[in-house]
Amino acid sequence: MRIYFGLLFGLLPLLAQDLRVYQLSGMAVSATTGEPIPFVSVRVGHTRRGTMANADGFYSLPVIRGDTLYFSAVGYKRGRLILNEYLAAYKGDTTEGFLYAVHYLVEDTIELPPVRISAIRTPEELKLALLNIPLETQLQVARDNVSPEIIAYFLQNLPLDPQERIKVAQQRYRDLYFERTLRPTYPILDPIAAYRLIQYLTEKAQVKKEKIYDYWQDD
């Protein structure tokens, strides 16, 4: 019995709490300019409920008493809306279950320290280095960079990169493999055999000719 009474007293605060669901519709705007902020993330703390504002900064989601809403957007500090405090100060009609709010987000400005480049001391020196180069000099530099002598020098002296070395090794391996295993399929002409073949055919023709002539001789 004591356990049941303990559970009952523990549930009394929850039963006494107003669990009425309100549909909160509002707009997130900039506190500086008053313009709507698009695609603001609206999340209810300690829950999985939330939504995202549209391109006009408008959002709408169901809430209950005790909820705390957090607003976040890139370039703005995170905002917060405590629903109990908002309902206590709300001037509109809450009997129908609809709430309306406008939430202002403060811009989050990050200032970076200045960086000074001292390689060129004055703007005039920078302009002279970048803009006052004659066109003939630029064309001459381009011609020198693509000259056959310079290209040949780099081809002969630059080492192969690892990927190129792998390709050369693979090609060399293929060449050795095919030279070792394959045999030529075309006939090889032997000059001695060709000479003997011609000689044989000539002798056969001569014998045949002699037989023809012998046929007409008298016995």
N, C-alpha and C. Protein backbone atom coordinates (compact mmCIF):
# COMPACT_ATOMS: atom_id res chain seq x y z
N MET A 1 0.82 -1.21 0.00
CA MET A 1 0.00 0.00 0.00
C MET A 1 0.86 1.26 0.00
N ARG A 2 1.94 1.22 0.76
CA ARG A 2 2.82 2.40 0.80
C ARG A 2 3.40 2.70 -0.58
N ILE A 3 3.67 1.61 -1.36
CA ILE A 3 4.22 1.82 -2.71
C ILE A 3 3.20 2.51 -3.59
N TYR A 4 1.95 2.08 -3.52
CA TYR A 4 0.92 2.69 -4.35
C TYR A 4 0.68 4.14 -3.97
N PHE A 5 0.67 4.42 -2.63
CA PHE A 5 0.50 5.82 -2.22
C PHE A 5 1.68 6.67 -2.68
N GLY A 6 2.88 6.08 -2.65
CA GLY A 6 4.04 6.84 -3.12
C GLY A 6 3.94 7.17 -4.59
N LEU A 7 3.51 6.21 -5.40
CA LEU A 7 3.34 6.46 -6.83
C LEU A 7 2.26 7.50 -7.07
N LEU A 8 1.18 7.44 -6.30
CA LEU A 8 0.09 8.39 -6.47
C LEU A 8 0.54 9.80 -6.17
N PHE A 9 1.28 9.97 -5.02
CA PHE A 9 1.77 11.31 -4.68
C PHE A 9 2.81 11.79 -5.71
N GLY A 10 3.54 10.84 -6.33
CA GLY A 10 4.50 11.27 -7.35
C GLY A 10 3.84 11.70 -8.64
N LEU A 11 2.68 11.15 -8.94
CA LEU A 11 1.99 11.51 -10.17
C LEU A 11 1.09 12.72 -10.02
N LEU A 12 0.82 13.13 -8.77
CA LEU A 12 -0.07 14.29 -8.58
C LEU A 12 0.43 15.55 -9.26
N PRO A 13 1.74 15.88 -9.19
CA PRO A 13 2.18 17.09 -9.91
C PRO A 13 1.96 16.99 -11.40
N LEU A 14 2.14 15.78 -11.98
CA LEU A 14 1.94 15.63 -13.42
C LEU A 14 0.48 15.75 -13.78
N LEU A 15 -0.41 15.18 -12.90
CA LEU A 15 -1.83 15.28 -13.18
C LEU A 15 -2.33 16.71 -13.04
N ALA A 16 -1.72 17.43 -12.12
CA ALA A 16 -2.16 18.82 -11.93
C ALA A 16 -1.63 19.74 -13.02
N GLN A 17 -0.61 19.28 -13.78
CA GLN A 17 -0.03 20.13 -14.82
C GLN A 17 -0.98 20.25 -16.00
N ASP A 18 -1.00 21.43 -16.60
CA ASP A 18 -1.84 21.66 -17.77
C ASP A 18 -1.16 21.04 -18.99
N LEU A 19 -1.70 19.93 -19.50
CA LEU A 19 -1.12 19.25 -20.66
C LEU A 19 -1.83 19.65 -21.95
N ARG A 20 -2.45 20.78 -21.95
CA ARG A 20 -3.15 21.23 -23.15
C ARG A 20 -2.13 21.55 -24.25
N VAL A 21 -2.46 21.15 -25.46
CA VAL A 21 -1.57 21.36 -26.61
C VAL A 21 -1.95 22.66 -27.29
N TYR A 22 -0.95 23.50 -27.51
CA TYR A 22 -1.13 24.77 -28.22
C TYR A 22 -0.41 24.67 -29.57
N GLN A 23 -0.99 25.27 -30.57
CA GLN A 23 -0.33 25.38 -31.88
C GLN A 23 0.32 26.75 -31.95
N LEU A 24 1.64 26.74 -31.82
CA LEU A 24 2.39 28.00 -31.81
C LEU A 24 2.85 28.31 -33.23
N SER A 25 2.44 29.44 -33.73
CA SER A 25 2.87 29.92 -35.05
C SER A 25 3.58 31.24 -34.86
N GLY A 26 4.70 31.40 -35.52
CA GLY A 26 5.45 32.62 -35.34
C GLY A 26 6.40 32.89 -36.48
N MET A 27 7.22 33.91 -36.28
CA MET A 27 8.18 34.33 -37.28
C MET A 27 9.46 34.74 -36.60
N ALA A 28 10.59 34.30 -37.17
CA ALA A 28 11.91 34.68 -36.67
C ALA A 28 12.44 35.82 -37.53
N VAL A 29 12.78 36.92 -36.87
CA VAL A 29 13.25 38.11 -37.59
C VAL A 29 14.56 38.58 -36.97
N SER A 30 15.25 39.42 -37.71
CA SER A 30 16.51 39.98 -37.23
C SER A 30 16.24 41.12 -36.27
N ALA A 31 16.95 41.11 -35.15
CA ALA A 31 16.78 42.18 -34.17
C ALA A 31 17.36 43.49 -34.66
N THR A 32 18.24 43.45 -35.66
CA THR A 32 18.87 44.66 -36.17
C THR A 32 18.06 45.29 -37.29
N THR A 33 17.65 44.49 -38.26
CA THR A 33 16.96 45.03 -39.43
C THR A 33 15.46 44.80 -39.40
N GLY A 34 14.97 43.84 -38.60
CA GLY A 34 13.55 43.52 -38.58
C GLY A 34 13.10 42.67 -39.75
N GLU A 35 14.04 42.20 -40.57
CA GLU A 35 13.68 41.38 -41.72
C GLU A 35 13.60 39.91 -41.31
N PRO A 36 12.75 39.15 -41.97
CA PRO A 36 12.63 37.72 -41.63
C PRO A 36 13.94 36.98 -41.91
N ILE A 37 14.21 35.98 -41.10
CA ILE A 37 15.40 35.15 -41.26
C ILE A 37 14.95 33.80 -41.82
N PRO A 38 15.40 33.43 -43.00
CA PRO A 38 14.94 32.17 -43.60
C PRO A 38 15.59 30.95 -42.97
N PHE A 39 14.83 29.85 -42.95
CA PHE A 39 15.33 28.52 -42.58
C PHE A 39 15.96 28.47 -41.18
N VAL A 40 15.28 29.10 -40.23
CA VAL A 40 15.72 29.04 -38.84
C VAL A 40 15.31 27.70 -38.25
N SER A 41 16.20 27.07 -37.51
CA SER A 41 15.89 25.80 -36.84
C SER A 41 15.22 26.09 -35.51
N VAL A 42 14.05 25.47 -35.30
CA VAL A 42 13.28 25.64 -34.06
C VAL A 42 13.20 24.26 -33.40
N ARG A 43 13.74 24.16 -32.20
CA ARG A 43 13.79 22.87 -31.52
C ARG A 43 13.25 23.02 -30.10
N VAL A 44 12.46 22.02 -29.66
CA VAL A 44 11.94 21.98 -28.30
C VAL A 44 12.94 21.23 -27.44
N GLY A 45 13.41 21.89 -26.38
CA GLY A 45 14.44 21.30 -25.56
C GLY A 45 14.03 20.00 -24.89
N HIS A 46 14.98 19.04 -24.79
CA HIS A 46 14.79 17.75 -24.13
C HIS A 46 13.69 16.92 -24.80
N THR A 47 13.41 17.17 -26.06
CA THR A 47 12.43 16.38 -26.82
C THR A 47 12.98 16.17 -28.23
N ARG A 48 12.24 15.39 -28.99
CA ARG A 48 12.57 15.19 -30.39
C ARG A 48 11.67 16.01 -31.31
N ARG A 49 10.95 16.95 -30.72
CA ARG A 49 10.05 17.79 -31.51
C ARG A 49 10.80 19.02 -32.01
N GLY A 50 10.40 19.47 -33.17
CA GLY A 50 11.01 20.65 -33.73
C GLY A 50 10.55 20.87 -35.16
N THR A 51 10.99 21.96 -35.74
CA THR A 51 10.64 22.28 -37.12
C THR A 51 11.67 23.26 -37.66
N MET A 52 11.45 23.70 -38.88
CA MET A 52 12.33 24.67 -39.51
C MET A 52 11.49 25.72 -40.20
N ALA A 53 11.88 26.96 -40.04
CA ALA A 53 11.16 28.05 -40.68
C ALA A 53 11.34 27.99 -42.20
N ASN A 54 10.37 28.54 -42.91
CA ASN A 54 10.47 28.55 -44.37
C ASN A 54 11.31 29.73 -44.83
N ALA A 55 11.30 29.99 -46.12
CA ALA A 55 12.13 31.06 -46.68
C ALA A 55 11.71 32.44 -46.18
N ASP A 56 10.49 32.58 -45.66
CA ASP A 56 10.01 33.86 -45.13
C ASP A 56 10.14 33.95 -43.62
N GLY A 57 10.80 32.98 -42.99
CA GLY A 57 10.99 33.01 -41.55
C GLY A 57 9.81 32.52 -40.75
N PHE A 58 8.78 31.96 -41.40
CA PHE A 58 7.57 31.52 -40.70
C PHE A 58 7.74 30.07 -40.24
N TYR A 59 7.23 29.78 -39.03
CA TYR A 59 7.27 28.42 -38.50
C TYR A 59 5.98 28.16 -37.72
N SER A 60 5.67 26.88 -37.50
CA SER A 60 4.49 26.50 -36.72
C SER A 60 4.71 25.09 -36.19
N LEU A 61 4.43 24.89 -34.89
CA LEU A 61 4.59 23.57 -34.29
C LEU A 61 3.76 23.47 -33.02
N PRO A 62 3.36 22.27 -32.60
CA PRO A 62 2.58 22.10 -31.37
C PRO A 62 3.50 22.16 -30.14
N VAL A 63 3.01 22.80 -29.07
CA VAL A 63 3.78 22.95 -27.83
C VAL A 63 2.83 22.74 -26.65
N ILE A 64 3.43 22.48 -25.48
CA ILE A 64 2.68 22.37 -24.23
C ILE A 64 3.41 23.19 -23.18
N ARG A 65 2.73 23.40 -22.04
CA ARG A 65 3.35 24.14 -20.95
C ARG A 65 4.61 23.39 -20.46
N GLY A 66 5.62 24.15 -20.14
CA GLY A 66 6.88 23.57 -19.71
C GLY A 66 7.90 23.44 -20.82
N ASP A 67 7.46 23.64 -22.07
CA ASP A 67 8.41 23.55 -23.19
C ASP A 67 9.29 24.80 -23.24
N THR A 68 10.50 24.58 -23.72
CA THR A 68 11.44 25.67 -24.00
C THR A 68 11.90 25.53 -25.44
N LEU A 69 11.68 26.56 -26.24
CA LEU A 69 12.04 26.53 -27.66
C LEU A 69 13.39 27.21 -27.86
N TYR A 70 14.20 26.60 -28.71
CA TYR A 70 15.52 27.15 -29.05
C TYR A 70 15.55 27.44 -30.55
N PHE A 71 16.01 28.65 -30.87
CA PHE A 71 16.11 29.10 -32.26
C PHE A 71 17.59 29.23 -32.62
N SER A 72 17.96 28.69 -33.77
CA SER A 72 19.36 28.78 -34.21
C SER A 72 19.40 28.99 -35.71
N ALA A 73 20.33 29.84 -36.12
CA ALA A 73 20.54 30.12 -37.53
C ALA A 73 21.98 30.58 -37.72
N VAL A 74 22.51 30.34 -38.89
CA VAL A 74 23.89 30.71 -39.18
C VAL A 74 24.01 32.23 -39.17
N GLY A 75 24.97 32.74 -38.42
CA GLY A 75 25.19 34.19 -38.35
C GLY A 75 24.43 34.87 -37.24
N TYR A 76 23.69 34.10 -36.41
CA TYR A 76 22.90 34.68 -35.32
C TYR A 76 23.15 33.90 -34.04
N LYS A 77 23.03 34.58 -32.93
CA LYS A 77 23.15 33.93 -31.63
C LYS A 77 21.89 33.10 -31.36
N ARG A 78 22.05 32.03 -30.63
CA ARG A 78 20.93 31.15 -30.36
C ARG A 78 19.92 31.85 -29.46
N GLY A 79 18.65 31.77 -29.83
CA GLY A 79 17.58 32.39 -29.05
C GLY A 79 16.80 31.35 -28.27
N ARG A 80 16.02 31.81 -27.30
CA ARG A 80 15.27 30.91 -26.44
C ARG A 80 13.91 31.52 -26.11
N LEU A 81 12.88 30.67 -26.06
CA LEU A 81 11.55 31.10 -25.68
C LEU A 81 11.01 30.10 -24.66
N ILE A 82 10.79 30.56 -23.42
CA ILE A 82 10.23 29.72 -22.35
C ILE A 82 8.71 29.89 -22.40
N LEU A 83 8.02 28.80 -22.68
CA LEU A 83 6.59 28.89 -22.96
C LEU A 83 5.79 29.34 -21.73
N ASN A 84 6.14 28.89 -20.52
CA ASN A 84 5.40 29.30 -19.33
C ASN A 84 5.46 30.82 -19.15
N GLU A 85 6.66 31.39 -19.32
CA GLU A 85 6.79 32.85 -19.19
C GLU A 85 6.04 33.56 -20.30
N TYR A 86 6.06 32.98 -21.49
CA TYR A 86 5.37 33.62 -22.60
C TYR A 86 3.85 33.60 -22.40
N LEU A 87 3.32 32.48 -21.88
CA LEU A 87 1.88 32.41 -21.63
C LEU A 87 1.46 33.36 -20.52
N ALA A 88 2.32 33.55 -19.52
CA ALA A 88 1.97 34.47 -18.42
C ALA A 88 1.85 35.90 -18.91
N ALA A 89 2.64 36.27 -19.93
CA ALA A 89 2.60 37.64 -20.44
C ALA A 89 1.79 37.76 -21.74
N TYR A 90 1.17 36.66 -22.18
CA TYR A 90 0.47 36.67 -23.46
C TYR A 90 -0.81 37.48 -23.35
N LYS A 91 -1.05 38.37 -24.30
CA LYS A 91 -2.21 39.26 -24.26
C LYS A 91 -3.36 38.76 -25.14
N GLY A 92 -3.11 37.77 -25.95
CA GLY A 92 -4.15 37.30 -26.86
C GLY A 92 -5.04 36.26 -26.21
N ASP A 93 -5.96 35.72 -27.00
CA ASP A 93 -6.91 34.71 -26.55
C ASP A 93 -6.28 33.33 -26.68
N THR A 94 -6.23 32.59 -25.57
CA THR A 94 -5.63 31.26 -25.56
C THR A 94 -6.67 30.15 -25.44
N THR A 95 -7.96 30.52 -25.44
CA THR A 95 -9.00 29.51 -25.22
C THR A 95 -9.13 28.56 -26.41
N GLU A 96 -8.79 29.01 -27.61
CA GLU A 96 -8.92 28.16 -28.79
C GLU A 96 -7.66 27.34 -29.05
N GLY A 97 -6.60 27.56 -28.29
CA GLY A 97 -5.40 26.74 -28.44
C GLY A 97 -4.42 27.22 -29.49
N PHE A 98 -4.52 28.47 -29.92
CA PHE A 98 -3.59 29.00 -30.91
C PHE A 98 -2.77 30.12 -30.29
N LEU A 99 -1.46 30.07 -30.49
CA LEU A 99 -0.55 31.10 -30.01
C LEU A 99 0.23 31.68 -31.18
N TYR A 100 0.60 32.96 -31.02
CA TYR A 100 1.34 33.65 -32.08
C TYR A 100 2.50 34.40 -31.43
N ALA A 101 3.66 34.34 -32.10
CA ALA A 101 4.85 34.96 -31.51
C ALA A 101 5.76 35.46 -32.62
N VAL A 102 6.50 36.49 -32.27
CA VAL A 102 7.57 37.01 -33.14
C VAL A 102 8.86 36.97 -32.33
N HIS A 103 9.83 36.22 -32.82
CA HIS A 103 11.07 36.06 -32.06
C HIS A 103 12.19 36.78 -32.79
N TYR A 104 12.93 37.60 -32.03
CA TYR A 104 14.02 38.39 -32.59
C TYR A 104 15.35 37.71 -32.28
N LEU A 105 16.17 37.50 -33.32
CA LEU A 105 17.49 36.91 -33.17
C LEU A 105 18.55 37.99 -33.34
N VAL A 106 19.55 37.94 -32.49
CA VAL A 106 20.63 38.93 -32.50
C VAL A 106 21.75 38.41 -33.38
N GLU A 107 22.28 39.27 -34.23
CA GLU A 107 23.37 38.87 -35.12
C GLU A 107 24.62 38.54 -34.31
N ASP A 108 25.30 37.51 -34.74
CA ASP A 108 26.54 37.08 -34.09
C ASP A 108 27.71 37.49 -34.99
N THR A 109 28.33 38.59 -34.67
CA THR A 109 29.42 39.14 -35.48
C THR A 109 30.76 38.66 -34.94
N ILE A 110 31.55 38.10 -35.81
CA ILE A 110 32.89 37.64 -35.44
C ILE A 110 33.90 38.54 -36.15
N GLU A 111 34.70 39.24 -35.39
CA GLU A 111 35.71 40.12 -35.95
C GLU A 111 37.07 39.45 -35.88
N LEU A 112 37.71 39.35 -37.02
CA LEU A 112 39.04 38.77 -37.09
C LEU A 112 40.09 39.87 -37.00
N PRO A 113 41.22 39.58 -36.38
CA PRO A 113 42.27 40.60 -36.30
C PRO A 113 42.83 40.90 -37.68
N PRO A 114 43.23 42.14 -37.92
CA PRO A 114 43.76 42.49 -39.25
C PRO A 114 45.09 41.80 -39.52
N VAL A 115 45.30 41.50 -40.80
CA VAL A 115 46.54 40.88 -41.26
C VAL A 115 47.23 41.83 -42.21
N ARG A 116 48.49 42.07 -41.96
CA ARG A 116 49.27 43.00 -42.78
C ARG A 116 50.34 42.24 -43.53
N ILE A 117 50.38 42.43 -44.84
CA ILE A 117 51.40 41.80 -45.68
C ILE A 117 52.51 42.81 -45.91
N SER A 118 53.70 42.45 -45.49
CA SER A 118 54.82 43.39 -45.55
C SER A 118 55.85 43.04 -46.61
N ALA A 119 55.56 42.04 -47.48
CA ALA A 119 56.53 41.72 -48.52
C ALA A 119 56.71 42.89 -49.47
N ILE A 120 55.62 43.57 -49.80
CA ILE A 120 55.67 44.80 -50.59
C ILE A 120 55.22 45.93 -49.67
N ARG A 121 56.03 46.89 -49.53
CA ARG A 121 55.83 47.88 -48.47
C ARG A 121 54.72 48.86 -48.78
N THR A 122 54.52 49.24 -50.02
CA THR A 122 53.53 50.26 -50.35
C THR A 122 52.63 49.77 -51.47
N PRO A 123 51.42 50.32 -51.57
CA PRO A 123 50.55 49.96 -52.70
C PRO A 123 51.16 50.30 -54.05
N GLU A 124 51.99 51.32 -54.10
CA GLU A 124 52.62 51.69 -55.36
C GLU A 124 53.56 50.59 -55.84
N GLU A 125 54.30 49.97 -54.91
CA GLU A 125 55.18 48.89 -55.30
C GLU A 125 54.40 47.68 -55.79
N LEU A 126 53.25 47.40 -55.16
CA LEU A 126 52.41 46.31 -55.61
C LEU A 126 51.87 46.57 -57.01
N LYS A 127 51.43 47.80 -57.26
CA LYS A 127 50.93 48.13 -58.58
C LYS A 127 52.03 48.01 -59.62
N LEU A 128 53.22 48.45 -59.26
CA LEU A 128 54.34 48.35 -60.19
C LEU A 128 54.69 46.89 -60.50
N ALA A 129 54.57 46.04 -59.47
CA ALA A 129 54.94 44.64 -59.67
C ALA A 129 53.90 43.87 -60.49
N LEU A 130 52.62 44.26 -60.39
CA LEU A 130 51.56 43.49 -61.03
C LEU A 130 51.06 44.10 -62.33
N LEU A 131 51.00 45.42 -62.40
CA LEU A 131 50.32 46.06 -63.53
C LEU A 131 51.26 46.68 -64.54
N ASN A 132 52.43 47.07 -64.13
CA ASN A 132 53.33 47.80 -65.03
C ASN A 132 54.33 46.90 -65.72
N ILE A 133 54.00 45.63 -65.92
CA ILE A 133 54.88 44.73 -66.67
C ILE A 133 54.55 44.88 -68.15
N PRO A 134 55.52 45.22 -68.99
CA PRO A 134 55.24 45.40 -70.42
C PRO A 134 54.71 44.12 -71.05
N LEU A 135 53.88 44.30 -72.07
CA LEU A 135 53.31 43.14 -72.75
C LEU A 135 54.38 42.32 -73.46
N GLU A 136 55.39 42.99 -74.01
CA GLU A 136 56.46 42.26 -74.68
C GLU A 136 57.19 41.35 -73.71
N THR A 137 57.38 41.83 -72.48
CA THR A 137 58.06 40.99 -71.48
C THR A 137 57.22 39.77 -71.13
N GLN A 138 55.91 39.95 -70.98
CA GLN A 138 55.04 38.82 -70.68
C GLN A 138 55.06 37.79 -71.81
N LEU A 139 55.01 38.25 -73.07
CA LEU A 139 55.05 37.32 -74.20
C LEU A 139 56.38 36.60 -74.27
N GLN A 140 57.46 37.30 -73.95
CA GLN A 140 58.77 36.67 -73.99
C GLN A 140 58.89 35.59 -72.91
N VAL A 141 58.36 35.87 -71.74
CA VAL A 141 58.37 34.87 -70.67
C VAL A 141 57.57 33.64 -71.08
N ALA A 142 56.42 33.86 -71.72
CA ALA A 142 55.61 32.74 -72.17
C ALA A 142 56.34 31.91 -73.23
N ARG A 143 57.02 32.60 -74.16
CA ARG A 143 57.78 31.86 -75.18
C ARG A 143 58.91 31.05 -74.57
N ASP A 144 59.59 31.64 -73.57
CA ASP A 144 60.69 30.92 -72.93
C ASP A 144 60.20 29.68 -72.20
N ASN A 145 59.01 29.78 -71.60
CA ASN A 145 58.51 28.64 -70.83
C ASN A 145 58.10 27.46 -71.71
N VAL A 146 57.74 27.73 -72.95
CA VAL A 146 57.32 26.65 -73.85
C VAL A 146 58.36 26.35 -74.92
N SER A 147 59.55 26.82 -74.76
CA SER A 147 60.59 26.56 -75.75
C SER A 147 60.94 25.08 -75.77
N PRO A 148 61.28 24.50 -76.93
CA PRO A 148 61.63 23.07 -76.99
C PRO A 148 62.83 22.72 -76.13
N GLU A 149 63.78 23.62 -75.98
CA GLU A 149 64.96 23.31 -75.18
C GLU A 149 64.59 23.11 -73.72
N ILE A 150 63.74 24.00 -73.19
CA ILE A 150 63.35 23.88 -71.79
C ILE A 150 62.51 22.63 -71.57
N ILE A 151 61.60 22.34 -72.49
CA ILE A 151 60.77 21.14 -72.36
C ILE A 151 61.64 19.89 -72.42
N ALA A 152 62.61 19.86 -73.35
CA ALA A 152 63.49 18.69 -73.45
C ALA A 152 64.34 18.55 -72.19
N TYR A 153 64.77 19.67 -71.63
CA TYR A 153 65.58 19.63 -70.41
C TYR A 153 64.78 19.01 -69.26
N PHE A 154 63.53 19.43 -69.10
CA PHE A 154 62.70 18.87 -68.03
C PHE A 154 62.41 17.40 -68.26
N LEU A 155 62.16 17.01 -69.51
CA LEU A 155 61.89 15.61 -69.79
C LEU A 155 63.08 14.72 -69.47
N GLN A 156 64.28 15.24 -69.66
CA GLN A 156 65.48 14.44 -69.42
C GLN A 156 65.92 14.45 -67.97
N ASN A 157 65.60 15.49 -67.22
CA ASN A 157 66.14 15.63 -65.89
C ASN A 157 65.13 15.43 -64.77
N LEU A 158 63.86 15.61 -65.05
CA LEU A 158 62.88 15.42 -63.99
C LEU A 158 62.69 13.93 -63.72
N PRO A 159 62.72 13.51 -62.47
CA PRO A 159 62.51 12.09 -62.17
C PRO A 159 61.06 11.69 -62.38
N LEU A 160 60.87 10.40 -62.62
CA LEU A 160 59.51 9.88 -62.80
C LEU A 160 58.77 9.88 -61.47
N ASP A 161 57.52 10.21 -61.54
CA ASP A 161 56.72 10.12 -60.33
C ASP A 161 56.34 8.66 -60.08
N PRO A 162 55.90 8.33 -58.85
CA PRO A 162 55.61 6.92 -58.55
C PRO A 162 54.58 6.29 -59.48
N GLN A 163 53.54 7.03 -59.86
CA GLN A 163 52.52 6.47 -60.73
C GLN A 163 53.08 6.14 -62.11
N GLU A 164 53.96 7.02 -62.61
CA GLU A 164 54.56 6.76 -63.92
C GLU A 164 55.52 5.57 -63.86
N ARG A 165 56.23 5.43 -62.76
CA ARG A 165 57.11 4.27 -62.60
C ARG A 165 56.31 2.96 -62.62
N ILE A 166 55.15 2.98 -61.98
CA ILE A 166 54.32 1.78 -61.96
C ILE A 166 53.85 1.42 -63.37
N LYS A 167 53.45 2.42 -64.16
CA LYS A 167 53.00 2.15 -65.51
C LYS A 167 54.12 1.61 -66.39
N VAL A 168 55.32 2.16 -66.25
CA VAL A 168 56.46 1.67 -67.03
C VAL A 168 56.78 0.23 -66.65
N ALA A 169 56.75 -0.08 -65.36
CA ALA A 169 57.04 -1.44 -64.92
C ALA A 169 55.98 -2.42 -65.42
N GLN A 170 54.71 -2.01 -65.41
CA GLN A 170 53.65 -2.89 -65.90
C GLN A 170 53.80 -3.15 -67.40
N GLN A 171 54.14 -2.11 -68.16
CA GLN A 171 54.32 -2.30 -69.60
C GLN A 171 55.52 -3.20 -69.89
N ARG A 172 56.60 -3.03 -69.13
CA ARG A 172 57.77 -3.88 -69.31
C ARG A 172 57.47 -5.33 -68.97
N TYR A 173 56.69 -5.54 -67.95
CA TYR A 173 56.31 -6.90 -67.57
C TYR A 173 55.47 -7.55 -68.67
N ARG A 174 54.54 -6.80 -69.27
CA ARG A 174 53.73 -7.36 -70.35
C ARG A 174 54.59 -7.73 -71.55
N ASP A 175 55.55 -6.85 -71.89
CA ASP A 175 56.41 -7.13 -73.04
C ASP A 175 57.21 -8.41 -72.82
N LEU A 176 57.80 -8.56 -71.65
CA LEU A 176 58.58 -9.76 -71.36
C LEU A 176 57.70 -11.01 -71.37
N TYR A 177 56.50 -10.89 -70.86
CA TYR A 177 55.61 -12.05 -70.79
C TYR A 177 55.22 -12.53 -72.18
N PHE A 178 54.84 -11.60 -73.06
CA PHE A 178 54.42 -12.00 -74.39
C PHE A 178 55.60 -12.49 -75.23
N GLU A 179 56.77 -11.89 -75.08
CA GLU A 179 57.93 -12.35 -75.83
C GLU A 179 58.36 -13.76 -75.40
N ARG A 180 58.10 -14.12 -74.17
CA ARG A 180 58.52 -15.42 -73.67
C ARG A 180 57.54 -16.53 -74.03
N THR A 181 56.26 -16.23 -74.07
CA THR A 181 55.26 -17.30 -74.21
C THR A 181 54.72 -17.44 -75.61
N LEU A 182 54.63 -16.34 -76.36
CA LEU A 182 54.01 -16.42 -77.68
C LEU A 182 55.04 -16.82 -78.74
N ARG A 183 54.57 -17.48 -79.79
CA ARG A 183 55.40 -17.87 -80.93
C ARG A 183 54.80 -17.26 -82.19
N PRO A 184 55.63 -16.93 -83.13
CA PRO A 184 55.08 -16.35 -84.38
C PRO A 184 54.24 -17.36 -85.12
N THR A 185 53.14 -16.91 -85.70
CA THR A 185 52.23 -17.78 -86.43
C THR A 185 52.43 -17.70 -87.94
N TYR A 186 53.23 -16.76 -88.42
CA TYR A 186 53.44 -16.64 -89.86
C TYR A 186 54.57 -17.60 -90.29
N PRO A 187 54.53 -18.16 -91.53
CA PRO A 187 55.57 -19.09 -91.99
C PRO A 187 56.91 -18.38 -92.18
N ILE A 188 57.97 -19.09 -91.85
CA ILE A 188 59.32 -18.57 -92.03
C ILE A 188 59.86 -19.09 -93.36
N LEU A 189 60.32 -18.22 -94.24
CA LEU A 189 60.84 -18.59 -95.55
C LEU A 189 62.30 -19.06 -95.43
N ASP A 190 62.51 -20.36 -95.75
CA ASP A 190 63.85 -20.92 -95.73
C ASP A 190 64.39 -20.87 -97.16
N PRO A 191 65.45 -20.12 -97.43
CA PRO A 191 65.93 -20.02 -98.84
C PRO A 191 66.41 -21.35 -99.40
N ILE A 192 67.01 -22.21 -98.60
CA ILE A 192 67.49 -23.50 -99.09
C ILE A 192 66.31 -24.38 -99.48
N ALA A 193 65.28 -24.39 -98.61
CA ALA A 193 64.10 -25.18 -98.94
C ALA A 193 63.42 -24.66 -100.19
N ALA A 194 63.38 -23.34 -100.35
CA ALA A 194 62.75 -22.78 -101.55
C ALA A 194 63.53 -23.15 -102.80
N TYR A 195 64.84 -23.14 -102.70
CA TYR A 195 65.67 -23.51 -103.86
C TYR A 195 65.45 -24.98 -104.24
N ARG A 196 65.39 -25.87 -103.23
CA ARG A 196 65.17 -27.28 -103.51
C ARG A 196 63.79 -27.52 -104.10
N LEU A 197 62.79 -26.75 -103.64
CA LEU A 197 61.45 -26.90 -104.20
C LEU A 197 61.42 -26.50 -105.66
N ILE A 198 62.07 -25.38 -105.98
CA ILE A 198 62.10 -24.96 -107.39
C ILE A 198 62.85 -25.99 -108.24
N GLN A 199 63.97 -26.50 -107.71
CA GLN A 199 64.74 -27.50 -108.44
C GLN A 199 63.91 -28.77 -108.68
N TYR A 200 63.17 -29.18 -107.71
CA TYR A 200 62.33 -30.38 -107.84
C TYR A 200 61.25 -30.18 -108.90
N LEU A 201 60.60 -29.03 -108.85
CA LEU A 201 59.56 -28.77 -109.84
C LEU A 201 60.14 -28.70 -111.25
N THR A 202 61.35 -28.14 -111.38
CA THR A 202 61.99 -28.06 -112.71
C THR A 202 62.33 -29.44 -113.24
N GLU A 203 62.87 -30.29 -112.39
CA GLU A 203 63.21 -31.65 -112.82
C GLU A 203 61.96 -32.43 -113.21
N LYS A 204 60.89 -32.28 -112.47
CA LYS A 204 59.65 -32.97 -112.80
C LYS A 204 59.12 -32.52 -114.15
N ALA A 205 59.20 -31.21 -114.39
CA ALA A 205 58.73 -30.70 -115.69
C ALA A 205 59.59 -31.22 -116.82
N GLN A 206 60.91 -31.32 -116.60
CA GLN A 206 61.79 -31.81 -117.64
C GLN A 206 61.52 -33.30 -117.95
N VAL A 207 61.30 -34.09 -116.92
CA VAL A 207 61.00 -35.51 -117.13
C VAL A 207 59.71 -35.68 -117.91
N LYS A 208 58.72 -34.91 -117.55
CA LYS A 208 57.44 -35.00 -118.24
C LYS A 208 57.59 -34.61 -119.70
N LYS A 209 58.41 -33.61 -119.98
CA LYS A 209 58.62 -33.17 -121.35
C LYS A 209 59.33 -34.25 -122.17
N GLU A 210 60.33 -34.88 -121.55
CA GLU A 210 61.06 -35.93 -122.25
C GLU A 210 60.15 -37.12 -122.56
N LYS A 211 59.24 -37.43 -121.67
CA LYS A 211 58.32 -38.54 -121.94
C LYS A 211 57.43 -38.23 -123.12
N ILE A 212 57.01 -36.99 -123.22
CA ILE A 212 56.15 -36.62 -124.34
C ILE A 212 56.91 -36.79 -125.66
N TYR A 213 58.17 -36.32 -125.70
CA TYR A 213 58.96 -36.43 -126.93
C TYR A 213 59.28 -37.90 -127.25
N ASP A 214 59.51 -38.73 -126.29
CA ASP A 214 59.82 -40.13 -126.53
C ASP A 214 58.64 -40.89 -127.12
N TYR A 215 57.44 -40.41 -126.92
CA TYR A 215 56.25 -41.10 -127.42
C TYR A 215 56.25 -41.14 -128.96
N TRP A 216 56.80 -40.08 -129.57
CA TRP A 216 56.76 -40.01 -131.04
C TRP A 216 57.97 -40.66 -131.70
N GLN A 217 58.93 -41.21 -130.96
CA GLN A 217 60.10 -41.84 -131.56
C GLN A 217 59.77 -43.25 -132.05
N ASP A 218 60.49 -43.64 -133.13
CA ASP A 218 60.28 -44.99 -133.70
C ASP A 218 60.98 -46.03 -132.84
N ASP A 219 60.41 -47.25 -132.86
CA ASP A 219 61.02 -48.35 -132.10
C ASP A 219 62.20 -48.94 -132.86
